[in-house]
Amino acid sequence: MPKMKSVKGAVKRFKVKKNGTVKRGTAFRSHILTKQDAGTRRKQNAPKVIAKVDEKNVKAMIN
């Protein structure tokens, strides 16, 4: 039986923390940030965690 391959796009986007939750990035952070107000940019710096219902699928992708 061949090994399951991890989804490389998911490996680049998600990291599993020590407590088992999965970190993710934030959208709209790459360029043209001058159009966003300062509060929006500041909130995008905060760490984000994926929803509990998606954790099983993401962990299976990044195995």
PDB file of N, CA and C in Angstrom:
ATOM      1  N   MET A   1       0.849  -1.182   0.000  1.00  0.00           N
ATOM      2  CA  MET A   1       0.000   0.000   0.000  1.00  0.00           C
ATOM      3  C   MET A   1       0.895   1.246   0.000  1.00  0.00           C
ATOM      4  N   PRO A   2       0.717   2.168  -0.966  1.00  0.00           N
ATOM      5  CA  PRO A   2       1.573   3.355  -0.996  1.00  0.00           C
ATOM      6  C   PRO A   2       1.225   4.328   0.134  1.00  0.00           C
ATOM      7  N   LYS A   3       2.214   5.130   0.504  1.00  0.00           N
ATOM      8  CA  LYS A   3       1.998   6.135   1.534  1.00  0.00           C
ATOM      9  C   LYS A   3       1.104   7.239   0.998  1.00  0.00           C
ATOM     10  N   MET A   4       0.364   7.901   1.904  1.00  0.00           N
ATOM     11  CA  MET A   4      -0.427   9.061   1.516  1.00  0.00           C
ATOM     12  C   MET A   4       0.505  10.255   1.382  1.00  0.00           C
ATOM     13  N   LYS A   5       0.352  11.004   0.313  1.00  0.00           N
ATOM     14  CA  LYS A   5       1.160  12.204   0.133  1.00  0.00           C
ATOM     15  C   LYS A   5       0.443  13.384   0.773  1.00  0.00           C
ATOM     16  N   SER A   6       1.219  14.298   1.327  1.00  0.00           N
ATOM     17  CA  SER A   6       0.614  15.503   1.888  1.00  0.00           C
ATOM     18  C   SER A   6       0.336  16.482   0.759  1.00  0.00           C
ATOM     19  N   VAL A   7      -0.660  17.338   0.971  1.00  0.00           N
ATOM     20  CA  VAL A   7      -1.016  18.367  -0.002  1.00  0.00           C
ATOM     21  C   VAL A   7      -0.051  19.525   0.201  1.00  0.00           C
ATOM     22  N   LYS A   8       0.839  19.759  -0.757  1.00  0.00           N
ATOM     23  CA  LYS A   8       1.925  20.720  -0.581  1.00  0.00           C
ATOM     24  C   LYS A   8       1.404  22.148  -0.401  1.00  0.00           C
ATOM     25  N   GLY A   9       0.283  22.477  -1.025  1.00  0.00           N
ATOM     26  CA  GLY A   9      -0.298  23.809  -0.837  1.00  0.00           C
ATOM     27  C   GLY A   9      -0.756  24.022   0.594  1.00  0.00           C
ATOM     28  N   ALA A  10      -1.279  22.959   1.207  1.00  0.00           N
ATOM     29  CA  ALA A  10      -1.720  23.048   2.599  1.00  0.00           C
ATOM     30  C   ALA A  10      -0.533  23.101   3.549  1.00  0.00           C
ATOM     31  N   VAL A  11       0.531  22.382   3.231  1.00  0.00           N
ATOM     32  CA  VAL A  11       1.727  22.382   4.081  1.00  0.00           C
ATOM     33  C   VAL A  11       2.315  23.783   4.160  1.00  0.00           C
ATOM     34  N   LYS A  12       2.271  24.520   3.050  1.00  0.00           N
ATOM     35  CA  LYS A  12       2.820  25.872   3.020  1.00  0.00           C
ATOM     36  C   LYS A  12       1.939  26.873   3.760  1.00  0.00           C
ATOM     37  N   ARG A  13       0.660  26.576   3.913  1.00  0.00           N
ATOM     38  CA  ARG A  13      -0.275  27.555   4.465  1.00  0.00           C
ATOM     39  C   ARG A  13      -0.608  27.353   5.937  1.00  0.00           C
ATOM     40  N   PHE A  14      -0.448  26.141   6.465  1.00  0.00           N
ATOM     41  CA  PHE A  14      -0.884  25.848   7.830  1.00  0.00           C
ATOM     42  C   PHE A  14       0.247  25.300   8.672  1.00  0.00           C
ATOM     43  N   LYS A  15       0.184  25.584   9.990  1.00  0.00           N
ATOM     44  CA  LYS A  15       1.124  25.018  10.948  1.00  0.00           C
ATOM     45  C   LYS A  15       0.318  24.528  12.148  1.00  0.00           C
ATOM     46  N   VAL A  16       0.700  23.366  12.699  1.00  0.00           N
ATOM     47  CA  VAL A  16       0.025  22.841  13.878  1.00  0.00           C
ATOM     48  C   VAL A  16       0.770  23.338  15.109  1.00  0.00           C
ATOM     49  N   LYS A  17       0.029  23.962  16.034  1.00  0.00           N
ATOM     50  CA  LYS A  17       0.627  24.456  17.267  1.00  0.00           C
ATOM     51  C   LYS A  17       0.806  23.309  18.254  1.00  0.00           C
ATOM     52  N   LYS A  18       1.514  23.572  19.357  1.00  0.00           N
ATOM     53  CA  LYS A  18       1.772  22.523  20.342  1.00  0.00           C
ATOM     54  C   LYS A  18       0.493  21.996  20.977  1.00  0.00           C
ATOM     55  N   ASN A  19      -0.517  22.856  21.127  1.00  0.00           N
ATOM     56  CA  ASN A  19      -1.759  22.406  21.756  1.00  0.00           C
ATOM     57  C   ASN A  19      -2.696  21.713  20.769  1.00  0.00           C
ATOM     58  N   GLY A  20      -2.281  21.571  19.496  1.00  0.00           N
ATOM     59  CA  GLY A  20      -3.075  20.820  18.528  1.00  0.00           C
ATOM     60  C   GLY A  20      -3.923  21.663  17.604  1.00  0.00           C
ATOM     61  N   THR A  21      -4.097  22.954  17.905  1.00  0.00           N
ATOM     62  CA  THR A  21      -4.861  23.812  17.004  1.00  0.00           C
ATOM     63  C   THR A  21      -4.000  24.134  15.785  1.00  0.00           C
ATOM     64  N   VAL A  22      -4.646  24.598  14.730  1.00  0.00           N
ATOM     65  CA  VAL A  22      -3.939  24.844  13.472  1.00  0.00           C
ATOM     66  C   VAL A  22      -3.947  26.339  13.181  1.00  0.00           C
ATOM     67  N   LYS A  23      -2.751  26.899  12.987  1.00  0.00           N
ATOM     68  CA  LYS A  23      -2.614  28.307  12.645  1.00  0.00           C
ATOM     69  C   LYS A  23      -2.809  28.494  11.158  1.00  0.00           C
ATOM     70  N   ARG A  24      -3.272  29.677  10.779  1.00  0.00           N
ATOM     71  CA  ARG A  24      -3.435  30.015   9.366  1.00  0.00           C
ATOM     72  C   ARG A  24      -2.998  31.453   9.152  1.00  0.00           C
ATOM     73  N   GLY A  25      -2.852  31.836   7.899  1.00  0.00           N
ATOM     74  CA  GLY A  25      -2.507  33.206   7.552  1.00  0.00           C
ATOM     75  C   GLY A  25      -3.748  34.063   7.415  1.00  0.00           C
ATOM     76  N   THR A  26      -3.544  35.303   7.027  1.00  0.00           N
ATOM     77  CA  THR A  26      -4.637  36.242   6.843  1.00  0.00           C
ATOM     78  C   THR A  26      -4.689  36.681   5.389  1.00  0.00           C
ATOM     79  N   ALA A  27      -5.879  36.840   4.853  1.00  0.00           N
ATOM     80  CA  ALA A  27      -6.042  37.315   3.486  1.00  0.00           C
ATOM     81  C   ALA A  27      -5.813  38.823   3.421  1.00  0.00           C
ATOM     82  N   PHE A  28      -5.541  39.325   2.227  1.00  0.00           N
ATOM     83  CA  PHE A  28      -5.409  40.757   1.939  1.00  0.00           C
ATOM     84  C   PHE A  28      -4.242  41.398   2.665  1.00  0.00           C
ATOM     85  N   ARG A  29      -3.104  40.691   2.761  1.00  0.00           N
ATOM     86  CA  ARG A  29      -1.936  41.230   3.446  1.00  0.00           C
ATOM     87  C   ARG A  29      -0.750  41.430   2.509  1.00  0.00           C
ATOM     88  N   SER A  30      -0.912  41.185   1.210  1.00  0.00           N
ATOM     89  CA  SER A  30       0.268  41.142   0.350  1.00  0.00           C
ATOM     90  C   SER A  30       0.702  42.507  -0.167  1.00  0.00           C
ATOM     91  N   HIS A  31      -0.197  43.318  -0.700  1.00  0.00           N
ATOM     92  CA  HIS A  31       0.204  44.607  -1.275  1.00  0.00           C
ATOM     93  C   HIS A  31      -0.991  45.544  -1.300  1.00  0.00           C
ATOM     94  N   ILE A  32      -0.732  46.800  -1.658  1.00  0.00           N
ATOM     95  CA  ILE A  32      -1.715  47.896  -1.682  1.00  0.00           C
ATOM     96  C   ILE A  32      -2.431  47.989  -0.334  1.00  0.00           C
ATOM     97  N   LEU A  33      -1.650  48.056   0.722  1.00  0.00           N
ATOM     98  CA  LEU A  33      -2.225  48.153   2.059  1.00  0.00           C
ATOM     99  C   LEU A  33      -2.608  49.583   2.411  1.00  0.00           C
ATOM    100  N   THR A  34      -2.271  50.545   1.545  1.00  0.00           N
ATOM    101  CA  THR A  34      -2.599  51.944   1.831  1.00  0.00           C
ATOM    102  C   THR A  34      -4.103  52.187   1.758  1.00  0.00           C
ATOM    103  N   LYS A  35      -4.816  51.350   1.043  1.00  0.00           N
ATOM    104  CA  LYS A  35      -6.275  51.516   0.957  1.00  0.00           C
ATOM    105  C   LYS A  35      -6.980  51.064   2.227  1.00  0.00           C
ATOM    106  N   GLN A  36      -6.322  50.221   3.019  1.00  0.00           N
ATOM    107  CA  GLN A  36      -6.926  49.740   4.258  1.00  0.00           C
ATOM    108  C   GLN A  36      -6.654  50.728   5.381  1.00  0.00           C
ATOM    109  N   ASP A  37      -7.629  50.873   6.273  1.00  0.00           N
ATOM    110  CA  ASP A  37      -7.374  51.753   7.412  1.00  0.00           C
ATOM    111  C   ASP A  37      -6.473  51.035   8.412  1.00  0.00           C
ATOM    112  N   ALA A  38      -5.911  51.808   9.329  1.00  0.00           N
ATOM    113  CA  ALA A  38      -4.891  51.296  10.243  1.00  0.00           C
ATOM    114  C   ALA A  38      -5.439  50.191  11.138  1.00  0.00           C
ATOM    115  N   GLY A  39      -6.698  50.305  11.547  1.00  0.00           N
ATOM    116  CA  GLY A  39      -7.292  49.289  12.413  1.00  0.00           C
ATOM    117  C   GLY A  39      -7.368  47.937  11.739  1.00  0.00           C
ATOM    118  N   THR A  40      -7.726  47.929  10.463  1.00  0.00           N
ATOM    119  CA  THR A  40      -7.803  46.674   9.715  1.00  0.00           C
ATOM    120  C   THR A  40      -6.432  46.031   9.602  1.00  0.00           C
ATOM    121  N   ARG A  41      -5.413  46.844   9.285  1.00  0.00           N
ATOM    122  CA  ARG A  41      -4.057  46.303   9.160  1.00  0.00           C
ATOM    123  C   ARG A  41      -3.552  45.765  10.493  1.00  0.00           C
ATOM    124  N   ARG A  42      -3.891  46.431  11.565  1.00  0.00           N
ATOM    125  CA  ARG A  42      -3.455  46.000  12.892  1.00  0.00           C
ATOM    126  C   ARG A  42      -4.121  44.688  13.279  1.00  0.00           C
ATOM    127  N   LYS A  43      -5.399  44.532  12.959  1.00  0.00           N
ATOM    128  CA  LYS A  43      -6.110  43.287  13.272  1.00  0.00           C
ATOM    129  C   LYS A  43      -5.563  42.112  12.469  1.00  0.00           C
ATOM    130  N   GLN A  44      -5.038  42.390  11.281  1.00  0.00           N
ATOM    131  CA  GLN A  44      -4.504  41.311  10.455  1.00  0.00           C
ATOM    132  C   GLN A  44      -3.171  40.794  10.974  1.00  0.00           C
ATOM    133  N   ASN A  45      -2.522  41.526  11.881  1.00  0.00           N
ATOM    134  CA  ASN A  45      -1.285  41.049  12.481  1.00  0.00           C
ATOM    135  C   ASN A  45      -1.538  39.998  13.557  1.00  0.00           C
ATOM    136  N   ALA A  46      -2.739  39.971  14.101  1.00  0.00           N
ATOM    137  CA  ALA A  46      -3.057  39.054  15.191  1.00  0.00           C
ATOM    138  C   ALA A  46      -3.033  37.614  14.684  1.00  0.00           C
ATOM    139  N   PRO A  47      -2.609  36.661  15.532  1.00  0.00           N
ATOM    140  CA  PRO A  47      -2.587  35.263  15.100  1.00  0.00           C
ATOM    141  C   PRO A  47      -3.992  34.725  14.845  1.00  0.00           C
ATOM    142  N   LYS A  48      -4.124  33.923  13.808  1.00  0.00           N
ATOM    143  CA  LYS A  48      -5.416  33.357  13.433  1.00  0.00           C
ATOM    144  C   LYS A  48      -5.372  31.844  13.571  1.00  0.00           C
ATOM    145  N   VAL A  49      -6.508  31.259  13.943  1.00  0.00           N
ATOM    146  CA  VAL A  49      -6.641  29.809  14.093  1.00  0.00           C
ATOM    147  C   VAL A  49      -7.814  29.371  13.234  1.00  0.00           C
ATOM    148  N   ILE A  50      -7.691  28.215  12.572  1.00  0.00           N
ATOM    149  CA  ILE A  50      -8.793  27.750  11.731  1.00  0.00           C
ATOM    150  C   ILE A  50      -9.941  27.246  12.607  1.00  0.00           C
ATOM    151  N   ALA A  51     -11.117  27.138  12.006  1.00  0.00           N
ATOM    152  CA  ALA A  51     -12.306  26.692  12.717  1.00  0.00           C
ATOM    153  C   ALA A  51     -12.144  25.238  13.161  1.00  0.00           C
ATOM    154  N   LYS A  52     -12.794  24.906  14.265  1.00  0.00           N
ATOM    155  CA  LYS A  52     -12.703  23.565  14.856  1.00  0.00           C
ATOM    156  C   LYS A  52     -13.174  22.486  13.861  1.00  0.00           C
ATOM    157  N   VAL A  53     -14.215  22.795  13.072  1.00  0.00           N
ATOM    158  CA  VAL A  53     -14.764  21.792  12.150  1.00  0.00           C
ATOM    159  C   VAL A  53     -13.808  21.472  11.005  1.00  0.00           C
ATOM    160  N   ASP A  54     -12.884  22.389  10.693  1.00  0.00           N
ATOM    161  CA  ASP A  54     -11.960  22.171   9.585  1.00  0.00           C
ATOM    162  C   ASP A  54     -10.661  21.516  10.015  1.00  0.00           C
ATOM    163  N   GLU A  55     -10.412  21.397  11.320  1.00  0.00           N
ATOM    164  CA  GLU A  55      -9.129  20.898  11.814  1.00  0.00           C
ATOM    165  C   GLU A  55      -8.810  19.492  11.329  1.00  0.00           C
ATOM    166  N   LYS A  56      -9.792  18.609  11.344  1.00  0.00           N
ATOM    167  CA  LYS A  56      -9.561  17.219  10.952  1.00  0.00           C
ATOM    168  C   LYS A  56      -9.113  17.130   9.500  1.00  0.00           C
ATOM    169  N   ASN A  57      -9.777  17.885   8.619  1.00  0.00           N
ATOM    170  CA  ASN A  57      -9.434  17.854   7.194  1.00  0.00           C
ATOM    171  C   ASN A  57      -8.049  18.420   6.943  1.00  0.00           C
ATOM    172  N   VAL A  58      -7.721  19.532   7.602  1.00  0.00           N
ATOM    173  CA  VAL A  58      -6.420  20.166   7.383  1.00  0.00           C
ATOM    174  C   VAL A  58      -5.303  19.283   7.900  1.00  0.00           C
ATOM    175  N   LYS A  59      -5.495  18.674   9.065  1.00  0.00           N
ATOM    176  CA  LYS A  59      -4.462  17.793   9.612  1.00  0.00           C
ATOM    177  C   LYS A  59      -4.245  16.579   8.718  1.00  0.00           C
ATOM    178  N   ALA A  60      -5.313  16.093   8.076  1.00  0.00           N
ATOM    179  CA  ALA A  60      -5.164  14.982   7.147  1.00  0.00           C
ATOM    180  C   ALA A  60      -4.383  15.407   5.903  1.00  0.00           C
ATOM    181  N   MET A  61      -4.561  16.662   5.486  1.00  0.00           N
ATOM    182  CA  MET A  61      -3.842  17.149   4.312  1.00  0.00           C
ATOM    183  C   MET A  61      -2.356  17.345   4.594  1.00  0.00           C
ATOM    184  N   ILE A  62      -2.011  17.791   5.821  1.00  0.00           N
ATOM    185  CA  ILE A  62      -0.611  18.077   6.086  1.00  0.00           C
ATOM    186  C   ILE A  62       0.097  16.930   6.779  1.00  0.00           C
ATOM    187  N   ASN A  63      -0.632  15.887   7.146  1.00  0.00           N
ATOM    188  CA  ASN A  63      -0.147  14.704   7.875  1.00  0.00           C
ATOM    189  C   ASN A  63       1.328  14.753   8.134  1.00  0.00           C
TER     190      ASN A  63
END
